[in-house]
Amino acid sequence: MDALIVFHVQDGAGRPIGGALLSSTGGPGPWQDLTNPCGDSMPTLTPADYTISFSAPGYTTRELQVHIDGPGPIIRIGLESAIPPFKQAPRFWQANMCGVRVAGLPAVAGGAADASLVLSWFYDRYSATDRRRIREAWRDRGLTHVLLSWPDSRAAGQSPQDFGATCAELVQQGFYPCPMLCAKDIDPPDVTEIEIRIALVLPWLVGLVPLACVGWELSLWLSPTQVQQLIDWLAPQVTPSGCRLYVHFQQGYGSFQQPGKFVFADFWNIQVGKLTGLLHQKVLTQTAAEYRGESGGLVDILERFAGGFGVTTDSGFGHPFDCVALEITAMTQFGGSTTEAQGDALGQWAIDTPAVNGVGVMGSGNGVQRGATARGRRELGDVAERETDHQAVLDDANAHDRRST
């Protein structure tokens, strides 16, 4: 005779866990149920032996053998936290999203022709052994921030729980993961649908990841109104934990203001208390000097984040908005025409852009020169600007390569 069974799921402190998933593959047939806000699940089960897994965002999954022979006392299940203590990330980025090479890595789906090249957002496509080797290579180069991509991982078959586990692994290993939350090649240009897909993973990220970006190249596939809708929906969910939230636009874009609004300040002044800053993308064809000096380049953005042209000097987090030189040579490194040393040289060139009224480039996401990052952390106003072009920077890197061989 079927019996009403009460499962109560709680954390290590005895607090109920609502929304925990109970999933059984044993017994008379498979079934699933979610706990209510009080942490209770009350299925009616046929007496039998069951194999039941208990999982919840942020907790280690438990699988138990449960014998049901009729009504009985409440079955209490404790789940251990799987989330490392939250650690806020430094504002200054030291990352290399697409430039580090690790000899002997296997090819992965979507990767470069040179299998040794690591795309950081494909980190979860490698084995545990290869992930360890990648982390060692990042540490050897002094890298701290790691760009990930929820839509890319989702498209490769990763579940929200899998993606959260990847982020937790990086945090536990001392890194600062920054997931991109949507992407033009994977998500539809529909805000409601994008929010649904992001909402799947947020319970596994909030309180864990110290950084996040609304999405890849938002200005190429969404309207300014759609981008603002996503920011306004996402920021209240992630920033209270201390997570720094960014935007990423197409090459050379520093803002994406609403219809009828025409200046940089129109976009950024309404992001106070929402965004930490901009993950900037270089126009690939620019020389190094143009990357700094042209409209939409680094100096142009620093002038505005320093209070020029009507932009607020307080992001709402006690500092100006940050400009991170995120994407500089990723495409040419992926294609094999730019070496790691060349990419690092251009990344450091971006970092060394002279500060404007104390506001400097807050790191690189596409390479830094080893031994130079302490200079990058300082206020950048004392760094002498060299008049040079793209080729001069690459020549410096090539000379470094020759000295190292």
Protein backbone atom coordinates (compact mmCIF):
# COMPACT_ATOMS: atom_id res chain seq x y z
CA MET A 1 0.00 0.00 0.00
CA ASP A 2 1.37 3.40 -0.98
CA ALA A 3 2.50 5.63 1.87
CA LEU A 4 2.98 9.37 2.34
CA ILE A 5 6.67 9.97 3.03
CA VAL A 6 8.11 13.26 4.29
CA PHE A 7 11.67 14.20 3.35
CA HIS A 8 13.16 17.28 4.99
CA VAL A 9 16.28 18.78 3.38
CA GLN A 10 18.43 21.16 5.42
CA ASP A 11 21.91 22.70 5.48
CA GLY A 12 24.67 22.09 8.00
CA ALA A 13 23.15 24.65 10.39
CA GLY A 14 19.75 22.97 10.27
CA ARG A 15 18.17 25.61 8.04
CA PRO A 16 15.65 24.32 5.48
CA ILE A 17 16.65 24.25 1.82
CA GLY A 18 13.76 25.16 -0.43
CA GLY A 19 13.84 24.18 -4.08
CA ALA A 20 16.07 21.14 -3.52
CA LEU A 21 15.62 18.49 -6.20
CA LEU A 22 14.84 14.91 -5.19
CA SER A 23 15.37 12.46 -8.03
CA SER A 24 14.90 8.70 -7.81
CA THR A 25 15.98 6.07 -10.32
CA GLY A 26 15.22 3.05 -8.14
CA GLY A 27 12.02 1.53 -6.86
CA PRO A 28 8.88 0.98 -8.93
CA GLY A 29 9.71 3.85 -11.27
CA PRO A 30 11.63 7.13 -11.61
CA TRP A 31 10.22 10.27 -10.02
CA GLN A 32 11.28 13.80 -9.14
CA ASP A 33 10.08 16.40 -6.69
CA LEU A 34 11.17 19.79 -5.31
CA THR A 35 11.17 20.75 -1.66
CA ASN A 36 8.86 23.57 -0.59
CA PRO A 37 10.20 26.73 1.13
CA CYS A 38 10.18 24.81 4.41
CA GLY A 39 12.56 22.24 2.92
CA ASP A 40 9.92 19.50 2.74
CA SER A 41 9.01 17.04 -0.01
CA MET A 42 6.00 14.78 0.58
CA PRO A 43 5.68 12.14 -2.16
CA THR A 44 3.38 9.14 -1.97
CA LEU A 45 5.58 6.10 -2.58
CA THR A 46 5.13 2.38 -3.03
CA PRO A 47 7.11 0.39 -0.44
CA ALA A 48 10.42 -0.55 -2.06
CA ASP A 49 14.14 0.24 -2.07
CA TYR A 50 14.92 3.59 -3.68
CA THR A 51 18.10 5.29 -4.87
CA ILE A 52 17.45 9.00 -4.36
CA SER A 53 19.74 11.94 -5.13
CA PHE A 54 19.30 15.22 -3.26
CA SER A 55 20.71 18.36 -4.92
CA ALA A 56 20.36 22.11 -4.60
CA PRO A 57 22.24 25.09 -6.00
CA GLY A 58 25.32 25.73 -3.91
CA TYR A 59 25.30 22.36 -2.15
CA THR A 60 27.07 19.06 -2.70
CA THR A 61 24.72 16.44 -4.18
CA ARG A 62 24.04 13.39 -2.02
CA GLU A 63 22.84 10.02 -3.26
CA LEU A 64 21.26 7.70 -0.70
CA GLN A 65 19.69 4.27 -0.60
CA VAL A 66 16.30 4.63 1.12
CA HIS A 67 14.11 1.70 2.14
CA ILE A 68 10.39 2.52 2.27
CA ASP A 69 8.13 -0.01 3.95
CA GLY A 70 5.30 2.30 5.01
CA PRO A 71 4.61 5.59 6.80
CA GLY A 72 7.32 6.58 9.24
CA PRO A 73 9.14 9.48 10.84
CA ILE A 74 10.37 12.41 8.82
CA ILE A 75 13.51 11.52 6.86
CA ARG A 76 16.00 14.36 7.37
CA ILE A 77 18.72 14.92 4.79
CA GLY A 78 21.61 17.33 5.35
CA LEU A 79 23.48 18.89 2.42
CA GLU A 80 26.94 20.41 2.68
CA SER A 81 27.72 23.75 1.07
CA ALA A 82 29.70 23.43 -2.17
CA ILE A 83 30.36 27.16 -2.45
CA PRO A 84 33.69 28.52 -1.24
CA PRO A 85 33.44 31.66 0.89
CA PHE A 86 32.84 34.69 -1.32
CA LYS A 87 35.99 36.64 -2.11
CA GLN A 88 35.67 39.93 -3.93
CA ALA A 89 37.87 40.23 -7.00
CA PRO A 90 40.40 43.02 -7.43
CA ARG A 91 39.26 45.66 -9.88
CA PHE A 92 42.57 45.31 -11.71
CA TRP A 93 42.46 42.46 -14.24
CA GLN A 94 45.36 40.15 -15.04
CA ALA A 95 43.94 37.69 -17.57
CA ASN A 96 44.56 36.13 -20.94
CA MET A 97 41.34 35.01 -22.58
CA CYS A 98 42.96 33.67 -25.76
CA GLY A 99 46.76 33.68 -25.81
CA VAL A 100 48.28 31.19 -23.37
CA ARG A 101 49.71 28.06 -24.94
CA VAL A 102 50.10 24.80 -23.03
CA ALA A 103 52.02 22.12 -24.91
CA GLY A 104 50.36 18.73 -25.26
CA LEU A 105 46.74 19.79 -24.74
CA PRO A 106 44.19 17.79 -26.74
CA ALA A 107 42.03 19.47 -29.36
CA VAL A 108 38.62 20.55 -28.10
CA ALA A 109 35.47 21.37 -30.05
CA GLY A 110 35.58 24.97 -31.26
CA GLY A 111 39.23 25.42 -30.36
CA ALA A 112 42.02 26.82 -32.48
CA ALA A 113 43.94 24.83 -35.09
CA ASP A 114 46.86 25.01 -32.64
CA ALA A 115 45.50 22.74 -29.91
CA SER A 116 47.95 24.18 -27.39
CA LEU A 117 46.14 27.55 -27.45
CA VAL A 118 43.77 27.91 -24.50
CA LEU A 119 40.49 29.79 -24.89
CA SER A 120 39.69 30.44 -21.26
CA TRP A 121 35.93 30.03 -21.78
CA PHE A 122 36.57 26.46 -23.01
CA TYR A 123 38.26 25.57 -19.72
CA ASP A 124 35.49 23.13 -18.81
CA ARG A 125 36.05 21.10 -22.02
CA TYR A 126 39.31 19.70 -20.66
CA SER A 127 39.97 16.80 -18.30
CA ALA A 128 40.79 17.42 -14.65
CA THR A 129 44.47 16.75 -15.40
CA ASP A 130 44.56 19.20 -18.28
CA ARG A 131 42.65 21.84 -16.28
CA ARG A 132 45.33 21.57 -13.62
CA ARG A 133 48.03 22.13 -16.26
CA ILE A 134 46.15 25.15 -17.59
CA ARG A 135 45.86 26.62 -14.10
CA GLU A 136 49.57 26.10 -13.57
CA ALA A 137 50.30 27.96 -16.81
CA TRP A 138 48.06 30.84 -15.73
CA ARG A 139 49.74 31.01 -12.33
CA ASP A 140 53.19 30.93 -13.93
CA ARG A 141 52.23 34.04 -15.89
CA GLY A 142 50.78 35.85 -12.88
CA LEU A 143 47.22 35.67 -14.24
CA THR A 144 44.33 35.93 -11.80
CA HIS A 145 41.06 36.62 -13.68
CA VAL A 146 39.43 33.97 -15.90
CA LEU A 147 36.80 34.76 -18.53
CA LEU A 148 34.15 32.03 -18.89
CA SER A 149 30.94 31.81 -20.93
CA TRP A 150 27.69 30.31 -19.66
CA PRO A 151 26.09 30.16 -23.16
CA ASP A 152 29.12 28.40 -24.66
CA SER A 153 29.29 25.90 -21.82
CA ARG A 154 25.52 25.36 -21.99
CA ALA A 155 25.72 24.73 -25.74
CA ALA A 156 28.46 22.16 -25.08
CA GLY A 157 26.14 20.24 -22.75
CA GLN A 158 27.06 21.70 -19.36
CA SER A 159 24.23 21.99 -16.86
CA PRO A 160 23.83 24.98 -14.54
CA GLN A 161 25.21 22.80 -11.75
CA ASP A 162 28.20 21.80 -13.91
CA PHE A 163 28.94 25.45 -14.71
CA GLY A 164 28.67 26.42 -11.06
CA ALA A 165 31.09 23.61 -10.19
CA THR A 166 33.57 24.96 -12.75
CA CYS A 167 33.38 28.41 -11.19
CA ALA A 168 33.75 26.93 -7.70
CA GLU A 169 36.83 24.99 -8.79
CA LEU A 170 38.47 28.17 -10.06
CA VAL A 171 37.59 30.08 -6.90
CA GLN A 172 38.95 27.28 -4.73
CA GLN A 173 42.17 27.40 -6.77
CA GLY A 174 42.58 31.13 -6.14
CA PHE A 175 41.25 32.54 -9.42
CA TYR A 176 38.49 35.05 -10.10
CA PRO A 177 36.06 33.67 -12.72
CA CYS A 178 34.01 36.12 -14.79
CA PRO A 179 31.19 34.42 -16.71
CA MET A 180 29.72 36.01 -19.82
CA LEU A 181 25.99 35.41 -19.41
CA CYS A 182 24.64 35.59 -22.97
CA ALA A 183 25.98 35.46 -26.54
CA LYS A 184 24.82 36.45 -30.02
CA ASP A 185 25.63 33.10 -31.67
CA ILE A 186 23.76 31.06 -29.05
CA ASP A 187 20.99 33.16 -27.51
CA PRO A 188 18.05 34.75 -29.39
CA PRO A 189 17.64 38.56 -29.48
CA ASP A 190 14.71 38.28 -27.08
CA VAL A 191 15.14 39.67 -23.57
CA THR A 192 12.57 37.39 -21.95
CA GLU A 193 14.19 34.28 -23.38
CA ILE A 194 17.68 35.50 -22.45
CA GLU A 195 16.55 36.12 -18.88
CA ILE A 196 15.07 32.62 -18.68
CA ARG A 197 18.40 31.11 -19.76
CA ILE A 198 20.43 33.25 -17.37
CA ALA A 199 18.02 32.56 -14.52
CA LEU A 200 18.81 28.84 -14.84
CA VAL A 201 22.40 29.41 -13.75
CA LEU A 202 22.14 32.38 -11.38
CA PRO A 203 21.37 30.26 -8.28
CA TRP A 204 24.69 28.47 -8.87
CA LEU A 205 26.64 31.73 -9.31
CA VAL A 206 25.30 34.38 -6.92
CA GLY A 207 27.44 34.45 -3.81
CA LEU A 208 30.21 32.55 -5.60
CA VAL A 209 31.47 34.42 -8.67
CA PRO A 210 33.12 37.78 -7.93
CA LEU A 211 32.71 39.06 -11.50
CA ALA A 212 30.17 38.77 -14.30
CA CYS A 213 29.50 40.34 -17.68
CA VAL A 214 26.02 40.82 -19.12
CA GLY A 215 27.07 39.29 -22.44
CA TRP A 216 29.39 39.11 -25.42
CA GLU A 217 29.38 42.05 -27.90
CA LEU A 218 25.96 43.22 -26.78
CA SER A 219 25.81 46.09 -29.28
CA LEU A 220 25.99 43.71 -32.27
CA TRP A 221 22.79 41.77 -31.65
CA LEU A 222 20.63 43.63 -29.12
CA SER A 223 19.14 47.12 -29.16
CA PRO A 224 20.17 49.73 -26.57
CA THR A 225 16.78 49.27 -24.91
CA GLN A 226 17.24 45.51 -24.69
CA VAL A 227 20.72 45.90 -23.22
CA GLN A 228 19.42 48.29 -20.58
CA GLN A 229 16.56 45.92 -19.75
CA LEU A 230 19.08 43.14 -19.11
CA ILE A 231 21.29 45.39 -16.97
CA ASP A 232 18.32 46.57 -14.91
CA TRP A 233 17.12 42.98 -14.42
CA LEU A 234 20.51 41.48 -13.66
CA ALA A 235 22.26 44.08 -11.49
CA PRO A 236 19.94 43.83 -8.44
CA GLN A 237 20.44 40.06 -8.43
CA VAL A 238 24.23 39.96 -8.55
CA THR A 239 25.74 43.18 -7.19
CA PRO A 240 24.46 42.90 -3.57
CA SER A 241 26.80 39.91 -3.11
CA GLY A 242 29.81 42.06 -4.05
CA CYS A 243 29.99 40.74 -7.61
CA ARG A 244 31.36 43.27 -10.09
CA LEU A 245 29.15 43.54 -13.20
CA TYR A 246 30.44 44.66 -16.62
CA VAL A 247 29.31 45.16 -20.20
CA HIS A 248 31.15 44.17 -23.40
CA PHE A 249 30.45 45.81 -26.76
CA GLN A 250 31.74 45.49 -30.31
CA GLN A 251 35.13 46.81 -31.40
CA GLY A 252 35.77 50.41 -30.36
CA TYR A 253 32.44 50.91 -28.57
CA GLY A 254 32.45 52.49 -25.11
CA SER A 255 28.72 53.12 -24.68
CA PHE A 256 25.35 52.13 -26.12
CA GLN A 257 22.82 54.82 -25.27
CA GLN A 258 19.07 54.79 -25.77
CA PRO A 259 17.29 56.13 -28.91
CA GLY A 260 17.29 59.91 -28.81
CA LYS A 261 20.35 59.98 -26.54
CA PHE A 262 23.60 60.86 -28.22
CA VAL A 263 26.50 61.05 -25.80
CA PHE A 264 28.60 58.68 -23.72
CA ALA A 265 27.29 60.13 -20.45
CA ASP A 266 23.70 59.28 -21.44
CA PHE A 267 24.57 55.60 -21.15
CA TRP A 268 26.93 55.56 -18.17
CA ASN A 269 25.17 57.97 -15.84
CA ILE A 270 22.19 55.62 -15.57
CA GLN A 271 24.47 52.69 -14.66
CA VAL A 272 25.37 54.09 -11.24
CA GLY A 273 25.03 51.30 -8.68
CA LYS A 274 24.64 48.74 -11.46
CA LEU A 275 27.86 48.39 -13.48
CA THR A 276 31.46 48.36 -12.32
CA GLY A 277 32.64 49.20 -15.80
CA LEU A 278 33.43 48.30 -19.39
CA LEU A 279 35.25 45.30 -20.82
CA HIS A 280 36.62 47.14 -23.85
CA GLN A 281 37.35 45.59 -27.25
CA LYS A 282 40.09 47.04 -29.48
CA VAL A 283 39.42 47.71 -33.16
CA LEU A 284 41.56 44.95 -34.60
CA THR A 285 43.02 47.05 -37.43
CA GLN A 286 44.14 49.90 -35.18
CA THR A 287 47.81 50.54 -34.53
CA ALA A 288 48.84 50.64 -30.90
CA ALA A 289 48.91 54.45 -30.98
CA GLU A 290 45.44 54.56 -32.53
CA TYR A 291 44.18 52.10 -29.91
CA ARG A 292 45.07 54.68 -27.30
CA GLY A 293 44.34 57.90 -29.10
CA GLU A 294 41.44 57.54 -31.52
CA SER A 295 37.78 58.19 -30.76
CA GLY A 296 36.45 55.20 -28.83
CA GLY A 297 39.99 54.30 -27.77
CA LEU A 298 41.46 54.02 -24.31
CA VAL A 299 42.31 57.66 -23.64
CA ASP A 300 38.91 58.76 -24.93
CA ILE A 301 37.17 56.44 -22.44
CA LEU A 302 39.48 57.32 -19.53
CA GLU A 303 38.79 61.02 -20.05
CA ARG A 304 35.09 60.37 -19.67
CA PHE A 305 35.34 57.97 -16.72
CA ALA A 306 37.52 60.62 -15.04
CA GLY A 307 34.58 63.03 -15.15
CA GLY A 308 34.89 64.55 -18.59
CA PHE A 309 31.98 65.32 -20.90
CA GLY A 310 29.41 65.10 -18.12
CA VAL A 311 30.12 61.56 -16.92
CA THR A 312 29.75 60.94 -13.19
CA THR A 313 32.97 60.19 -11.30
CA ASP A 314 31.33 57.70 -8.93
CA SER A 315 30.02 54.39 -10.28
CA GLY A 316 27.99 53.97 -7.11
CA PHE A 317 30.65 51.68 -5.67
CA GLY A 318 33.01 54.38 -4.39
CA HIS A 319 35.19 54.67 -7.48
CA PRO A 320 34.86 55.77 -11.12
CA PHE A 321 33.66 53.32 -13.76
CA ASP A 322 36.49 51.01 -14.81
CA CYS A 323 37.85 50.48 -18.31
CA VAL A 324 39.42 47.03 -18.68
CA ALA A 325 41.32 46.33 -21.91
CA LEU A 326 39.65 42.97 -22.28
CA GLU A 327 39.93 41.93 -25.91
CA ILE A 328 42.97 43.09 -27.86
CA THR A 329 44.47 40.36 -30.04
CA ALA A 330 42.21 37.36 -29.39
CA MET A 331 41.20 36.91 -33.02
CA THR A 332 44.74 37.02 -34.41
CA GLN A 333 46.04 34.79 -31.63
CA PHE A 334 43.28 32.30 -32.42
CA GLY A 335 44.29 32.42 -36.09
CA GLY A 336 47.97 31.97 -35.23
CA SER A 337 49.33 35.25 -36.60
CA THR A 338 50.03 36.77 -33.16
CA THR A 339 52.26 35.07 -30.60
CA GLU A 340 51.70 35.03 -26.88
CA ALA A 341 54.60 37.46 -26.34
CA GLN A 342 53.20 39.85 -28.93
CA GLY A 343 49.78 39.73 -27.33
CA ASP A 344 51.29 40.29 -23.90
CA ALA A 345 53.20 43.31 -25.21
CA LEU A 346 50.02 44.90 -26.53
CA GLY A 347 48.18 44.06 -23.32
CA GLN A 348 50.87 45.79 -21.31
CA TRP A 349 50.83 48.74 -23.74
CA ALA A 350 47.13 49.14 -22.92
CA ILE A 351 47.78 48.94 -19.17
CA ASP A 352 50.54 51.52 -19.44
CA THR A 353 48.26 54.12 -21.02
CA PRO A 354 48.83 57.28 -18.96
CA ALA A 355 46.09 57.88 -16.42
CA VAL A 356 43.70 60.78 -16.80
CA ASN A 357 43.15 62.58 -13.49
CA GLY A 358 44.08 59.39 -11.67
CA VAL A 359 41.83 57.10 -13.76
CA GLY A 360 43.83 54.44 -15.60
CA VAL A 361 43.21 51.25 -17.54
CA MET A 362 42.21 48.61 -15.01
CA GLY A 363 44.17 45.70 -16.41
CA SER A 364 44.07 43.47 -19.45
CA GLY A 365 42.01 40.45 -20.33
CA ASN A 366 44.23 39.46 -23.25
CA GLY A 367 47.73 39.24 -21.83
CA VAL A 368 50.23 41.08 -19.65
CA GLN A 369 54.02 41.10 -19.59
CA ARG A 370 55.47 39.14 -16.71
CA GLY A 371 57.20 41.39 -14.23
CA ALA A 372 55.34 44.47 -15.47
CA THR A 373 52.01 44.05 -13.73
CA ALA A 374 53.05 45.79 -10.51
CA ARG A 375 53.51 48.90 -12.63
CA GLY A 376 50.05 48.33 -14.03
CA ARG A 377 48.50 48.22 -10.58
CA ARG A 378 49.88 51.63 -9.65
CA GLU A 379 48.26 54.86 -10.67
CA LEU A 380 49.33 55.14 -14.26
CA GLY A 381 49.95 58.86 -14.52
CA ASP A 382 53.71 58.49 -14.06
CA VAL A 383 54.11 56.15 -17.02
CA ALA A 384 55.81 57.87 -19.94
CA GLU A 385 53.90 57.51 -23.17
CA ARG A 386 55.92 56.20 -26.08
CA GLU A 387 55.02 57.37 -29.55
CA THR A 388 54.93 54.10 -31.40
CA ASP A 389 52.82 52.05 -33.73
CA HIS A 390 51.56 48.50 -33.72
CA GLN A 391 54.66 47.14 -35.45
CA ALA A 392 57.03 48.71 -32.94
CA VAL A 393 55.25 46.94 -30.10
CA LEU A 394 55.39 43.65 -31.99
CA ASP A 395 59.11 44.21 -32.73
CA ASP A 396 59.72 44.58 -28.99
CA ALA A 397 57.92 41.29 -28.39
CA ASN A 398 59.85 39.54 -31.15
CA ALA A 399 63.14 40.73 -29.64
CA HIS A 400 61.96 39.32 -26.29
CA ASP A 401 61.20 35.99 -28.00
CA ARG A 402 64.69 35.89 -29.53
CA ARG A 403 66.33 36.63 -26.18
CA SER A 404 64.30 33.85 -24.56
CA THR A 405 65.30 31.14 -27.05
